[in-house]
PDB file of N, CA and C in Angstrom:
ATOM      1  N   MET A   1      32.127 -55.931  23.171  1.00  0.00           N
ATOM      2  CA  MET A   1      30.801 -55.591  23.583  1.00  0.00           C
ATOM      3  C   MET A   1      30.751 -54.218  24.273  1.00  0.00           C
ATOM      4  N   LEU A   2      31.748 -53.987  25.137  1.00  0.00           N
ATOM      5  CA  LEU A   2      31.825 -52.700  25.835  1.00  0.00           C
ATOM      6  C   LEU A   2      32.047 -51.564  24.840  1.00  0.00           C
ATOM      7  N   LYS A   3      32.875 -51.801  23.835  1.00  0.00           N
ATOM      8  CA  LYS A   3      33.122 -50.780  22.827  1.00  0.00           C
ATOM      9  C   LYS A   3      31.841 -50.456  22.059  1.00  0.00           C
ATOM     10  N   LYS A   4      31.052 -51.454  21.796  1.00  0.00           N
ATOM     11  CA  LYS A   4      29.799 -51.261  21.063  1.00  0.00           C
ATOM     12  C   LYS A   4      28.819 -50.430  21.891  1.00  0.00           C
ATOM     13  N   ARG A   5      28.734 -50.735  23.195  1.00  0.00           N
ATOM     14  CA  ARG A   5      27.845 -49.973  24.095  1.00  0.00           C
ATOM     15  C   ARG A   5      28.310 -48.522  24.210  1.00  0.00           C
ATOM     16  N   LEU A   6      29.612 -48.336  24.356  1.00  0.00           N
ATOM     17  CA  LEU A   6      30.147 -46.978  24.441  1.00  0.00           C
ATOM     18  C   LEU A   6      29.867 -46.205  23.145  1.00  0.00           C
ATOM     19  N   PHE A   7      30.080 -46.856  22.032  1.00  0.00           N
ATOM     20  CA  PHE A   7      29.813 -46.212  20.742  1.00  0.00           C
ATOM     21  C   PHE A   7      28.352 -45.818  20.627  1.00  0.00           C
ATOM     22  N   ILE A   8      27.430 -46.695  20.973  1.00  0.00           N
ATOM     23  CA  ILE A   8      25.987 -46.413  20.909  1.00  0.00           C
ATOM     24  C   ILE A   8      25.637 -45.300  21.894  1.00  0.00           C
ATOM     25  N   SER A   9      26.202 -45.345  23.096  1.00  0.00           N
ATOM     26  CA  SER A   9      25.921 -44.322  24.107  1.00  0.00           C
ATOM     27  C   SER A   9      26.385 -42.952  23.629  1.00  0.00           C
ATOM     28  N   TYR A  10      27.616 -42.879  23.123  1.00  0.00           N
ATOM     29  CA  TYR A  10      28.128 -41.607  22.612  1.00  0.00           C
ATOM     30  C   TYR A  10      27.322 -41.106  21.414  1.00  0.00           C
ATOM     31  N   THR A  11      26.947 -42.011  20.564  1.00  0.00           N
ATOM     32  CA  THR A  11      26.146 -41.635  19.395  1.00  0.00           C
ATOM     33  C   THR A  11      24.800 -41.074  19.824  1.00  0.00           C
ATOM     34  N   VAL A  12      24.159 -41.705  20.777  1.00  0.00           N
ATOM     35  CA  VAL A  12      22.867 -41.224  21.270  1.00  0.00           C
ATOM     36  C   VAL A  12      23.041 -39.873  21.964  1.00  0.00           C
ATOM     37  N   LEU A  13      24.060 -39.740  22.803  1.00  0.00           N
ATOM     38  CA  LEU A  13      24.292 -38.476  23.501  1.00  0.00           C
ATOM     39  C   LEU A  13      24.603 -37.340  22.524  1.00  0.00           C
ATOM     40  N   ILE A  14      25.442 -37.612  21.565  1.00  0.00           N
ATOM     41  CA  ILE A  14      25.791 -36.592  20.579  1.00  0.00           C
ATOM     42  C   ILE A  14      24.554 -36.231  19.747  1.00  0.00           C
ATOM     43  N   SER A  15      23.763 -37.213  19.390  1.00  0.00           N
ATOM     44  CA  SER A  15      22.537 -36.955  18.621  1.00  0.00           C
ATOM     45  C   SER A  15      21.565 -36.097  19.426  1.00  0.00           C
ATOM     46  N   LEU A  16      21.381 -36.439  20.706  1.00  0.00           N
ATOM     47  CA  LEU A  16      20.483 -35.645  21.553  1.00  0.00           C
ATOM     48  C   LEU A  16      21.002 -34.214  21.700  1.00  0.00           C
ATOM     49  N   PHE A  17      22.311 -34.080  21.905  1.00  0.00           N
ATOM     50  CA  PHE A  17      22.905 -32.757  22.017  1.00  0.00           C
ATOM     51  C   PHE A  17      22.671 -31.949  20.741  1.00  0.00           C
ATOM     52  N   MET A  18      22.892 -32.565  19.595  1.00  0.00           N
ATOM     53  CA  MET A  18      22.697 -31.887  18.313  1.00  0.00           C
ATOM     54  C   MET A  18      21.221 -31.492  18.131  1.00  0.00           C
ATOM     55  N   ILE A  19      20.309 -32.360  18.513  1.00  0.00           N
ATOM     56  CA  ILE A  19      18.877 -32.052  18.395  1.00  0.00           C
ATOM     57  C   ILE A  19      18.530 -30.848  19.264  1.00  0.00           C
ATOM     58  N   VAL A  20      19.029 -30.826  20.485  1.00  0.00           N
ATOM     59  CA  VAL A  20      18.749 -29.713  21.402  1.00  0.00           C
ATOM     60  C   VAL A  20      19.336 -28.411  20.851  1.00  0.00           C
ATOM     61  N   VAL A  21      20.563 -28.457  20.402  1.00  0.00           N
ATOM     62  CA  VAL A  21      21.218 -27.253  19.873  1.00  0.00           C
ATOM     63  C   VAL A  21      20.504 -26.763  18.617  1.00  0.00           C
ATOM     64  N   LEU A  22      20.216 -27.666  17.702  1.00  0.00           N
ATOM     65  CA  LEU A  22      19.543 -27.264  16.464  1.00  0.00           C
ATOM     66  C   LEU A  22      18.135 -26.722  16.727  1.00  0.00           C
ATOM     67  N   THR A  23      17.434 -27.298  17.688  1.00  0.00           N
ATOM     68  CA  THR A  23      16.106 -26.791  18.046  1.00  0.00           C
ATOM     69  C   THR A  23      16.209 -25.378  18.616  1.00  0.00           C
ATOM     70  N   ALA A  24      17.189 -25.145  19.479  1.00  0.00           N
ATOM     71  CA  ALA A  24      17.375 -23.805  20.055  1.00  0.00           C
ATOM     72  C   ALA A  24      17.735 -22.793  18.968  1.00  0.00           C
ATOM     73  N   VAL A  25      18.616 -23.176  18.060  1.00  0.00           N
ATOM     74  CA  VAL A  25      19.002 -22.277  16.970  1.00  0.00           C
ATOM     75  C   VAL A  25      17.805 -21.992  16.069  1.00  0.00           C
ATOM     76  N   ASN A  26      17.030 -23.022  15.775  1.00  0.00           N
ATOM     77  CA  ASN A  26      15.838 -22.857  14.925  1.00  0.00           C
ATOM     78  C   ASN A  26      14.842 -21.882  15.551  1.00  0.00           C
ATOM     79  N   ARG A  27      14.606 -22.023  16.839  1.00  0.00           N
ATOM     80  CA  ARG A  27      13.675 -21.104  17.517  1.00  0.00           C
ATOM     81  C   ARG A  27      14.196 -19.673  17.511  1.00  0.00           C
ATOM     82  N   ALA A  28      15.488 -19.504  17.746  1.00  0.00           N
ATOM     83  CA  ALA A  28      16.064 -18.157  17.760  1.00  0.00           C
ATOM     84  C   ALA A  28      15.970 -17.514  16.380  1.00  0.00           C
ATOM     85  N   VAL A  29      16.296 -18.264  15.355  1.00  0.00           N
ATOM     86  CA  VAL A  29      16.246 -17.734  13.995  1.00  0.00           C
ATOM     87  C   VAL A  29      14.806 -17.438  13.585  1.00  0.00           C
ATOM     88  N   SER A  30      13.896 -18.341  13.904  1.00  0.00           N
ATOM     89  CA  SER A  30      12.482 -18.124  13.572  1.00  0.00           C
ATOM     90  C   SER A  30      11.938 -16.884  14.259  1.00  0.00           C
ATOM     91  N   GLY A  31      12.288 -16.689  15.519  1.00  0.00           N
ATOM     92  CA  GLY A  31      11.845 -15.504  16.243  1.00  0.00           C
ATOM     93  C   GLY A  31      12.385 -14.232  15.629  1.00  0.00           C
ATOM     94  N   THR A  32      13.637 -14.256  15.230  1.00  0.00           N
ATOM     95  CA  THR A  32      14.248 -13.085  14.597  1.00  0.00           C
ATOM     96  C   THR A  32      13.579 -12.779  13.268  1.00  0.00           C
ATOM     97  N   ILE A  33      13.340 -13.806  12.479  1.00  0.00           N
ATOM     98  CA  ILE A  33      12.688 -13.612  11.175  1.00  0.00           C
ATOM     99  C   ILE A  33      11.273 -13.082  11.366  1.00  0.00           C
ATOM    100  N   ASP A  34      10.543 -13.639  12.321  1.00  0.00           N
ATOM    101  CA  ASP A  34       9.183 -13.156  12.585  1.00  0.00           C
ATOM    102  C   ASP A  34       9.185 -11.691  12.998  1.00  0.00           C
ATOM    103  N   THR A  35      10.113 -11.323  13.858  1.00  0.00           N
ATOM    104  CA  THR A  35      10.213  -9.931  14.313  1.00  0.00           C
ATOM    105  C   THR A  35      10.531  -8.999  13.151  1.00  0.00           C
ATOM    106  N   GLN A  36      11.466  -9.408  12.294  1.00  0.00           N
ATOM    107  CA  GLN A  36      11.828  -8.576  11.154  1.00  0.00           C
ATOM    108  C   GLN A  36      10.668  -8.453  10.167  1.00  0.00           C
ATOM    109  N   MET A  37       9.979  -9.546   9.912  1.00  0.00           N
ATOM    110  CA  MET A  37       8.841  -9.501   8.990  1.00  0.00           C
ATOM    111  C   MET A  37       7.729  -8.612   9.543  1.00  0.00           C
ATOM    112  N   GLU A  38       7.490  -8.702  10.830  1.00  0.00           N
ATOM    113  CA  GLU A  38       6.478  -7.853  11.450  1.00  0.00           C
ATOM    114  C   GLU A  38       6.866  -6.380  11.329  1.00  0.00           C
ATOM    115  N   SER A  39       8.135  -6.091  11.552  1.00  0.00           N
ATOM    116  CA  SER A  39       8.616  -4.714  11.447  1.00  0.00           C
ATOM    117  C   SER A  39       8.476  -4.182  10.021  1.00  0.00           C
ATOM    118  N   VAL A  40       8.872  -4.989   9.047  1.00  0.00           N
ATOM    119  CA  VAL A  40       8.775  -4.567   7.644  1.00  0.00           C
ATOM    120  C   VAL A  40       7.316  -4.369   7.248  1.00  0.00           C
ATOM    121  N   THR A  41       6.448  -5.279   7.676  1.00  0.00           N
ATOM    122  CA  THR A  41       5.022  -5.166   7.354  1.00  0.00           C
ATOM    123  C   THR A  41       4.422  -3.924   8.002  1.00  0.00           C
ATOM    124  N   ARG A  42       4.755  -3.683   9.254  1.00  0.00           N
ATOM    125  CA  ARG A  42       4.239  -2.503   9.956  1.00  0.00           C
ATOM    126  C   ARG A  42       4.688  -1.227   9.247  1.00  0.00           C
ATOM    127  N   GLU A  43       5.943  -1.184   8.840  1.00  0.00           N
ATOM    128  CA  GLU A  43       6.467  -0.008   8.144  1.00  0.00           C
ATOM    129  C   GLU A  43       5.757   0.202   6.806  1.00  0.00           C
ATOM    130  N   ALA A  44       5.532  -0.887   6.065  1.00  0.00           N
ATOM    131  CA  ALA A  44       4.841  -0.778   4.775  1.00  0.00           C
ATOM    132  C   ALA A  44       3.415  -0.268   4.960  1.00  0.00           C
ATOM    133  N   VAL A  45       2.746  -0.748   5.990  1.00  0.00           N
ATOM    134  CA  VAL A  45       1.370  -0.299   6.252  1.00  0.00           C
ATOM    135  C   VAL A  45       1.363   1.173   6.662  1.00  0.00           C
ATOM    136  N   GLU A  46       2.313   1.573   7.498  1.00  0.00           N
ATOM    137  CA  GLU A  46       2.385   2.980   7.910  1.00  0.00           C
ATOM    138  C   GLU A  46       2.635   3.895   6.714  1.00  0.00           C
ATOM    139  N   VAL A  47       3.523   3.493   5.829  1.00  0.00           N
ATOM    140  CA  VAL A  47       3.787   4.295   4.628  1.00  0.00           C
ATOM    141  C   VAL A  47       2.542   4.335   3.748  1.00  0.00           C
ATOM    142  N   GLY A  48       1.869   3.194   3.616  1.00  0.00           N
ATOM    143  CA  GLY A  48       0.631   3.152   2.832  1.00  0.00           C
ATOM    144  C   GLY A  48      -0.438   4.065   3.411  1.00  0.00           C
ATOM    145  N   VAL A  49      -0.583   4.058   4.711  1.00  0.00           N
ATOM    146  CA  VAL A  49      -1.567   4.931   5.369  1.00  0.00           C
ATOM    147  C   VAL A  49      -1.215   6.393   5.139  1.00  0.00           C
ATOM    148  N   ARG A  50       0.073   6.734   5.256  1.00  0.00           N
ATOM    149  CA  ARG A  50       0.496   8.122   4.986  1.00  0.00           C
ATOM    150  C   ARG A  50       0.184   8.507   3.546  1.00  0.00           C
ATOM    151  N   ASP A  51       0.468   7.583   2.618  1.00  0.00           N
ATOM    152  CA  ASP A  51       0.199   7.869   1.208  1.00  0.00           C
ATOM    153  C   ASP A  51      -1.294   8.048   0.948  1.00  0.00           C
ATOM    154  N   ILE A  52      -2.105   7.215   1.564  1.00  0.00           N
ATOM    155  CA  ILE A  52      -3.561   7.330   1.389  1.00  0.00           C
ATOM    156  C   ILE A  52      -4.061   8.632   1.998  1.00  0.00           C
ATOM    157  N   ASN A  53      -3.559   8.979   3.183  1.00  0.00           N
ATOM    158  CA  ASN A  53      -3.952  10.256   3.794  1.00  0.00           C
ATOM    159  C   ASN A  53      -3.553  11.432   2.912  1.00  0.00           C
ATOM    160  N   SER A  54      -2.370  11.353   2.339  1.00  0.00           N
ATOM    161  CA  SER A  54      -1.915  12.403   1.436  1.00  0.00           C
ATOM    162  C   SER A  54      -2.804  12.476   0.199  1.00  0.00           C
ATOM    163  N   LEU A  55      -3.182  11.315  -0.320  1.00  0.00           N
ATOM    164  CA  LEU A  55      -4.059  11.269  -1.490  1.00  0.00           C
ATOM    165  C   LEU A  55      -5.405  11.921  -1.179  1.00  0.00           C
ATOM    166  N   PHE A  56      -5.991  11.590  -0.029  1.00  0.00           N
ATOM    167  CA  PHE A  56      -7.274  12.196   0.328  1.00  0.00           C
ATOM    168  C   PHE A  56      -7.146  13.691   0.574  1.00  0.00           C
ATOM    169  N   SER A  57      -6.035  14.102   1.169  1.00  0.00           N
ATOM    170  CA  SER A  57      -5.810  15.527   1.363  1.00  0.00           C
ATOM    171  C   SER A  57      -5.710  16.239   0.014  1.00  0.00           C
ATOM    172  N   ASP A  58      -4.983  15.625  -0.920  1.00  0.00           N
ATOM    173  CA  ASP A  58      -4.885  16.197  -2.269  1.00  0.00           C
ATOM    174  C   ASP A  58      -6.253  16.239  -2.950  1.00  0.00           C
ATOM    175  N   MET A  59      -7.041  15.173  -2.760  1.00  0.00           N
ATOM    176  CA  MET A  59      -8.386  15.143  -3.349  1.00  0.00           C
ATOM    177  C   MET A  59      -9.236  16.291  -2.813  1.00  0.00           C
ATOM    178  N   PHE A  60      -9.147  16.509  -1.509  1.00  0.00           N
ATOM    179  CA  PHE A  60      -9.922  17.584  -0.891  1.00  0.00           C
ATOM    180  C   PHE A  60      -9.507  18.936  -1.455  1.00  0.00           C
ATOM    181  N   SER A  61      -8.191  19.161  -1.532  1.00  0.00           N
ATOM    182  CA  SER A  61      -7.700  20.441  -2.055  1.00  0.00           C
ATOM    183  C   SER A  61      -8.101  20.635  -3.509  1.00  0.00           C
ATOM    184  N   GLU A  62      -7.944  19.593  -4.315  1.00  0.00           N
ATOM    185  CA  GLU A  62      -8.273  19.708  -5.736  1.00  0.00           C
ATOM    186  C   GLU A  62      -9.785  19.869  -5.945  1.00  0.00           C
ATOM    187  N   THR A  63     -10.585  19.252  -5.091  1.00  0.00           N
ATOM    188  CA  THR A  63     -12.035  19.430  -5.191  1.00  0.00           C
ATOM    189  C   THR A  63     -12.416  20.860  -4.862  1.00  0.00           C
ATOM    190  N   LEU A  64     -11.767  21.434  -3.852  1.00  0.00           N
ATOM    191  CA  LEU A  64     -12.019  22.840  -3.536  1.00  0.00           C
ATOM    192  C   LEU A  64     -11.592  23.735  -4.700  1.00  0.00           C
ATOM    193  N   ASN A  65     -10.449  23.434  -5.301  1.00  0.00           N
ATOM    194  CA  ASN A  65      -9.999  24.208  -6.459  1.00  0.00           C
ATOM    195  C   ASN A  65     -10.996  24.100  -7.602  1.00  0.00           C
ATOM    196  N   LEU A  66     -11.553  22.920  -7.779  1.00  0.00           N
ATOM    197  CA  LEU A  66     -12.543  22.706  -8.829  1.00  0.00           C
ATOM    198  C   LEU A  66     -13.793  23.555  -8.567  1.00  0.00           C
ATOM    199  N   CYS A  67     -14.171  23.673  -7.302  1.00  0.00           N
ATOM    200  CA  CYS A  67     -15.367  24.450  -6.957  1.00  0.00           C
ATOM    201  C   CYS A  67     -15.193  25.940  -7.229  1.00  0.00           C
ATOM    202  N   VAL A  68     -13.976  26.414  -7.186  1.00  0.00           N
ATOM    203  CA  VAL A  68     -13.751  27.851  -7.410  1.00  0.00           C
ATOM    204  C   VAL A  68     -13.100  28.126  -8.763  1.00  0.00           C
ATOM    205  N   ASP A  69     -13.071  27.137  -9.653  1.00  0.00           N
ATOM    206  CA  ASP A  69     -12.514  27.307 -10.994  1.00  0.00           C
ATOM    207  C   ASP A  69     -13.347  28.345 -11.738  1.00  0.00           C
ATOM    208  N   ARG A  70     -12.732  29.472 -12.094  1.00  0.00           N
ATOM    209  CA  ARG A  70     -13.462  30.592 -12.711  1.00  0.00           C
ATOM    210  C   ARG A  70     -14.070  30.217 -14.054  1.00  0.00           C
ATOM    211  N   GLN A  71     -13.342  29.484 -14.872  1.00  0.00           N
ATOM    212  CA  GLN A  71     -13.866  29.117 -16.184  1.00  0.00           C
ATOM    213  C   GLN A  71     -15.087  28.211 -16.047  1.00  0.00           C
ATOM    214  N   LEU A  72     -14.993  27.241 -15.133  1.00  0.00           N
ATOM    215  CA  LEU A  72     -16.130  26.340 -14.923  1.00  0.00           C
ATOM    216  C   LEU A  72     -17.309  27.103 -14.329  1.00  0.00           C
ATOM    217  N   GLN A  73     -17.044  27.980 -13.390  1.00  0.00           N
ATOM    218  CA  GLN A  73     -18.122  28.761 -12.787  1.00  0.00           C
ATOM    219  C   GLN A  73     -18.795  29.668 -13.817  1.00  0.00           C
ATOM    220  N   ALA A  74     -17.987  30.258 -14.698  1.00  0.00           N
ATOM    221  CA  ALA A  74     -18.560  31.125 -15.739  1.00  0.00           C
ATOM    222  C   ALA A  74     -19.434  30.310 -16.684  1.00  0.00           C
ATOM    223  N   ALA A  75     -18.984  29.129 -17.060  1.00  0.00           N
ATOM    224  CA  ALA A  75     -19.780  28.275 -17.943  1.00  0.00           C
ATOM    225  C   ALA A  75     -21.071  27.846 -17.260  1.00  0.00           C
ATOM    226  N   LEU A  76     -20.996  27.518 -15.989  1.00  0.00           N
ATOM    227  CA  LEU A  76     -22.199  27.119 -15.243  1.00  0.00           C
ATOM    228  C   LEU A  76     -23.176  28.290 -15.115  1.00  0.00           C
ATOM    229  N   THR A  77     -22.646  29.483 -14.875  1.00  0.00           N
ATOM    230  CA  THR A  77     -23.496  30.669 -14.768  1.00  0.00           C
ATOM    231  C   THR A  77     -24.202  30.946 -16.091  1.00  0.00           C
ATOM    232  N   ASP A  78     -23.452  30.873 -17.200  1.00  0.00           N
ATOM    233  CA  ASP A  78     -24.073  31.062 -18.523  1.00  0.00           C
ATOM    234  C   ASP A  78     -25.164  30.036 -18.763  1.00  0.00           C
ATOM    235  N   PHE A  79     -24.910  28.805 -18.393  1.00  0.00           N
ATOM    236  CA  PHE A  79     -25.896  27.738 -18.594  1.00  0.00           C
ATOM    237  C   PHE A  79     -27.136  27.984 -17.728  1.00  0.00           C
ATOM    238  N   ALA A  80     -26.906  28.407 -16.472  1.00  0.00           N
ATOM    239  CA  ALA A  80     -28.026  28.663 -15.560  1.00  0.00           C
ATOM    240  C   ALA A  80     -28.851  29.865 -16.019  1.00  0.00           C
ATOM    241  N   ASP A  81     -28.209  30.827 -16.691  1.00  0.00           N
ATOM    242  CA  ASP A  81     -28.920  32.003 -17.185  1.00  0.00           C
ATOM    243  C   ASP A  81     -29.644  31.731 -18.505  1.00  0.00           C
ATOM    244  N   GLY A  82     -29.678  30.468 -18.911  1.00  0.00           N
ATOM    245  CA  GLY A  82     -30.406  30.113 -20.131  1.00  0.00           C
ATOM    246  C   GLY A  82     -29.582  30.268 -21.384  1.00  0.00           C
ATOM    247  N   GLY A  83     -28.303  30.001 -21.310  1.00  0.00           N
ATOM    248  CA  GLY A  83     -27.408  30.158 -22.446  1.00  0.00           C
ATOM    249  C   GLY A  83     -27.643  29.154 -23.562  1.00  0.00           C
ATOM    250  N   GLY A  84     -28.474  28.174 -23.331  1.00  0.00           N
ATOM    251  CA  GLY A  84     -28.818  27.227 -24.387  1.00  0.00           C
ATOM    252  C   GLY A  84     -27.773  26.164 -24.615  1.00  0.00           C
ATOM    253  N   GLU A  85     -27.781  25.661 -25.865  1.00  0.00           N
ATOM    254  CA  GLU A  85     -26.926  24.538 -26.222  1.00  0.00           C
ATOM    255  C   GLU A  85     -25.436  24.883 -26.153  1.00  0.00           C
ATOM    256  N   ALA A  86     -25.085  26.091 -26.559  1.00  0.00           N
ATOM    257  CA  ALA A  86     -23.678  26.507 -26.523  1.00  0.00           C
ATOM    258  C   ALA A  86     -23.171  26.536 -25.085  1.00  0.00           C
ATOM    259  N   ALA A  87     -24.005  27.027 -24.176  1.00  0.00           N
ATOM    260  CA  ALA A  87     -23.611  27.071 -22.765  1.00  0.00           C
ATOM    261  C   ALA A  87     -23.505  25.662 -22.202  1.00  0.00           C
ATOM    262  N   GLY A  88     -24.413  24.771 -22.611  1.00  0.00           N
ATOM    263  CA  GLY A  88     -24.350  23.376 -22.163  1.00  0.00           C
ATOM    264  C   GLY A  88     -23.074  22.708 -22.644  1.00  0.00           C
ATOM    265  N   ARG A  89     -22.694  22.972 -23.886  1.00  0.00           N
ATOM    266  CA  ARG A  89     -21.464  22.418 -24.433  1.00  0.00           C
ATOM    267  C   ARG A  89     -20.260  22.970 -23.672  1.00  0.00           C
ATOM    268  N   ALA A  90     -20.296  24.261 -23.354  1.00  0.00           N
ATOM    269  CA  ALA A  90     -19.187  24.881 -22.605  1.00  0.00           C
ATOM    270  C   ALA A  90     -19.065  24.256 -21.219  1.00  0.00           C
ATOM    271  N   VAL A  91     -20.210  24.002 -20.577  1.00  0.00           N
ATOM    272  CA  VAL A  91     -20.186  23.366 -19.249  1.00  0.00           C
ATOM    273  C   VAL A  91     -19.567  21.978 -19.360  1.00  0.00           C
ATOM    274  N   ARG A  92     -19.995  21.233 -20.370  1.00  0.00           N
ATOM    275  CA  ARG A  92     -19.473  19.886 -20.570  1.00  0.00           C
ATOM    276  C   ARG A  92     -17.959  19.917 -20.824  1.00  0.00           C
ATOM    277  N   GLU A  93     -17.521  20.818 -21.688  1.00  0.00           N
ATOM    278  CA  GLU A  93     -16.087  20.916 -22.008  1.00  0.00           C
ATOM    279  C   GLU A  93     -15.271  21.335 -20.792  1.00  0.00           C
ATOM    280  N   GLU A  94     -15.762  22.346 -20.088  1.00  0.00           N
ATOM    281  CA  GLU A  94     -15.034  22.812 -18.901  1.00  0.00           C
ATOM    282  C   GLU A  94     -15.034  21.739 -17.809  1.00  0.00           C
ATOM    283  N   GLY A  95     -16.160  21.067 -17.658  1.00  0.00           N
ATOM    284  CA  GLY A  95     -16.233  19.975 -16.673  1.00  0.00           C
ATOM    285  C   GLY A  95     -15.274  18.849 -17.012  1.00  0.00           C
ATOM    286  N   GLU A  96     -15.223  18.470 -18.277  1.00  0.00           N
ATOM    287  CA  GLU A  96     -14.294  17.412 -18.703  1.00  0.00           C
ATOM    288  C   GLU A  96     -12.843  17.839 -18.499  1.00  0.00           C
ATOM    289  N   ARG A  97     -12.542  19.115 -18.814  1.00  0.00           N
ATOM    290  CA  ARG A  97     -11.189  19.625 -18.617  1.00  0.00           C
ATOM    291  C   ARG A  97     -10.805  19.562 -17.139  1.00  0.00           C
ATOM    292  N   ALA A  98     -11.712  20.035 -16.301  1.00  0.00           N
ATOM    293  CA  ALA A  98     -11.420  20.073 -14.868  1.00  0.00           C
ATOM    294  C   ALA A  98     -11.289  18.662 -14.297  1.00  0.00           C
ATOM    295  N   ILE A  99     -12.162  17.772 -14.703  1.00  0.00           N
ATOM    296  CA  ILE A  99     -12.123  16.407 -14.168  1.00  0.00           C
ATOM    297  C   ILE A  99     -10.910  15.644 -14.690  1.00  0.00           C
ATOM    298  N   SER A 100     -10.541  15.851 -15.953  1.00  0.00           N
ATOM    299  CA  SER A 100      -9.346  15.157 -16.453  1.00  0.00           C
ATOM    300  C   SER A 100      -8.100  15.651 -15.725  1.00  0.00           C
ATOM    301  N   GLY A 101      -8.053  16.946 -15.419  1.00  0.00           N
ATOM    302  CA  GLY A 101      -6.941  17.467 -14.622  1.00  0.00           C
ATOM    303  C   GLY A 101      -6.930  16.857 -13.235  1.00  0.00           C
ATOM    304  N   LEU A 102      -8.107  16.696 -12.667  1.00  0.00           N
ATOM    305  CA  LEU A 102      -8.236  16.086 -11.351  1.00  0.00           C
ATOM    306  C   LEU A 102      -7.765  14.635 -11.394  1.00  0.00           C
ATOM    307  N   ARG A 103      -8.135  13.920 -12.434  1.00  0.00           N
ATOM    308  CA  ARG A 103      -7.710  12.510 -12.567  1.00  0.00           C
ATOM    309  C   ARG A 103      -6.203  12.392 -12.707  1.00  0.00           C
ATOM    310  N   ARG A 104      -5.596  13.304 -13.456  1.00  0.00           N
ATOM    311  CA  ARG A 104      -4.140  13.250 -13.624  1.00  0.00           C
ATOM    312  C   ARG A 104      -3.433  13.451 -12.290  1.00  0.00           C
ATOM    313  N   LYS A 105      -3.958  14.340 -11.482  1.00  0.00           N
ATOM    314  CA  LYS A 105      -3.300  14.659 -10.215  1.00  0.00           C
ATOM    315  C   LYS A 105      -3.556  13.608  -9.144  1.00  0.00           C
ATOM    316  N   LEU A 106      -4.708  12.995  -9.188  1.00  0.00           N
ATOM    317  CA  LEU A 106      -5.113  12.087  -8.115  1.00  0.00           C
ATOM    318  C   LEU A 106      -5.287  10.672  -8.660  1.00  0.00           C
ATOM    319  N   THR A 107      -4.224   9.924  -8.623  1.00  0.00           N
ATOM    320  CA  THR A 107      -4.299   8.547  -9.093  1.00  0.00           C
ATOM    321  C   THR A 107      -4.025   7.604  -7.936  1.00  0.00           C
ATOM    322  N   VAL A 108      -4.645   6.451  -7.971  1.00  0.00           N
ATOM    323  CA  VAL A 108      -4.440   5.453  -6.923  1.00  0.00           C
ATOM    324  C   VAL A 108      -3.000   4.944  -6.952  1.00  0.00           C
ATOM    325  N   GLU A 109      -2.358   4.992  -8.123  1.00  0.00           N
ATOM    326  CA  GLU A 109      -0.981   4.517  -8.216  1.00  0.00           C
ATOM    327  C   GLU A 109      -0.040   5.305  -7.314  1.00  0.00           C
ATOM    328  N   LYS A 110      -0.449   6.539  -6.935  1.00  0.00           N
ATOM    329  CA  LYS A 110       0.389   7.320  -6.027  1.00  0.00           C
ATOM    330  C   LYS A 110       0.571   6.603  -4.701  1.00  0.00           C
ATOM    331  N   VAL A 111      -0.424   5.837  -4.290  1.00  0.00           N
ATOM    332  CA  VAL A 111      -0.332   5.126  -3.019  1.00  0.00           C
ATOM    333  C   VAL A 111       0.725   4.039  -3.116  1.00  0.00           C
ATOM    334  N   GLY A 112       0.779   3.334  -4.232  1.00  0.00           N
ATOM    335  CA  GLY A 112       1.855   2.384  -4.473  1.00  0.00           C
ATOM    336  C   GLY A 112       1.680   1.017  -3.863  1.00  0.00           C
ATOM    337  N   LEU A 113       0.467   0.610  -3.508  1.00  0.00           N
ATOM    338  CA  LEU A 113       0.231  -0.738  -3.018  1.00  0.00           C
ATOM    339  C   LEU A 113      -0.462  -1.527  -4.115  1.00  0.00           C
ATOM    340  N   TYR A 114       0.124  -2.635  -4.499  1.00  0.00           N
ATOM    341  CA  TYR A 114      -0.409  -3.419  -5.596  1.00  0.00           C
ATOM    342  C   TYR A 114      -0.616  -4.857  -5.137  1.00  0.00           C
ATOM    343  N   PRO A 115      -1.740  -5.479  -5.518  1.00  0.00           N
ATOM    344  CA  PRO A 115      -1.931  -6.886  -5.166  1.00  0.00           C
ATOM    345  C   PRO A 115      -0.950  -7.759  -5.954  1.00  0.00           C
ATOM    346  N   VAL A 116      -0.370  -8.739  -5.293  1.00  0.00           N
ATOM    347  CA  VAL A 116       0.569  -9.622  -5.964  1.00  0.00           C
ATOM    348  C   VAL A 116      -0.060 -10.992  -6.148  1.00  0.00           C
ATOM    349  N   ARG A 117      -0.326 -11.690  -5.050  1.00  0.00           N
ATOM    350  CA  ARG A 117      -0.974 -12.990  -5.130  1.00  0.00           C
ATOM    351  C   ARG A 117      -1.529 -13.350  -3.761  1.00  0.00           C
ATOM    352  N   ASP A 118      -2.577 -14.105  -3.763  1.00  0.00           N
ATOM    353  CA  ASP A 118      -3.182 -14.618  -2.521  1.00  0.00           C
ATOM    354  C   ASP A 118      -3.427 -13.526  -1.478  1.00  0.00           C
ATOM    355  N   GLY A 119      -3.844 -12.351  -1.927  1.00  0.00           N
ATOM    356  CA  GLY A 119      -4.173 -11.275  -0.992  1.00  0.00           C
ATOM    357  C   GLY A 119      -2.967 -10.537  -0.442  1.00  0.00           C
ATOM    358  N   GLU A 120      -1.759 -10.894  -0.859  1.00  0.00           N
ATOM    359  CA  GLU A 120      -0.572 -10.182  -0.394  1.00  0.00           C
ATOM    360  C   GLU A 120      -0.443  -8.874  -1.157  1.00  0.00           C
ATOM    361  N   LEU A 121       0.177  -7.893  -0.520  1.00  0.00           N
ATOM    362  CA  LEU A 121       0.372  -6.592  -1.163  1.00  0.00           C
ATOM    363  C   LEU A 121       1.849  -6.345  -1.380  1.00  0.00           C
ATOM    364  N   TYR A 122       2.154  -5.661  -2.457  1.00  0.00           N
ATOM    365  CA  TYR A 122       3.517  -5.271  -2.766  1.00  0.00           C
ATOM    366  C   TYR A 122       3.554  -3.757  -2.818  1.00  0.00           C
ATOM    367  N   ARG A 123       4.496  -3.175  -2.162  1.00  0.00           N
ATOM    368  CA  ARG A 123       4.630  -1.717  -2.188  1.00  0.00           C
ATOM    369  C   ARG A 123       5.635  -1.364  -3.259  1.00  0.00           C
ATOM    370  N   GLY A 124       5.166  -0.646  -4.281  1.00  0.00           N
ATOM    371  CA  GLY A 124       6.036  -0.278  -5.408  1.00  0.00           C
ATOM    372  C   GLY A 124       6.754   1.000  -5.191  1.00  0.00           C
TER     373      GLY A 124
END
């Protein structure tokens, strides 16, 4: 009978000890993982913000370049001076050329954030 009580007592004590140790380890690991995930997420957001700022800066510069594009300005001047259908076609062609160049240079893919699932973002 005494052996049975001792066995049960030791089993309960060892079980309680294991529960306490495993709970402490679980909390420590969870805290570390949370900290690392927060750090990685913060870094990804900071890089995304830098990329977006760079994209807008590029957009501003390219828009200014578009405003002073000599070929486009010449076509617009001809059209404004009553150049007729040929001048209108030249404006359209020059505008399409300038805008397609602008699109090639300024793409959202440069930012590199893509939706994956459930609102999560993946940085490519």
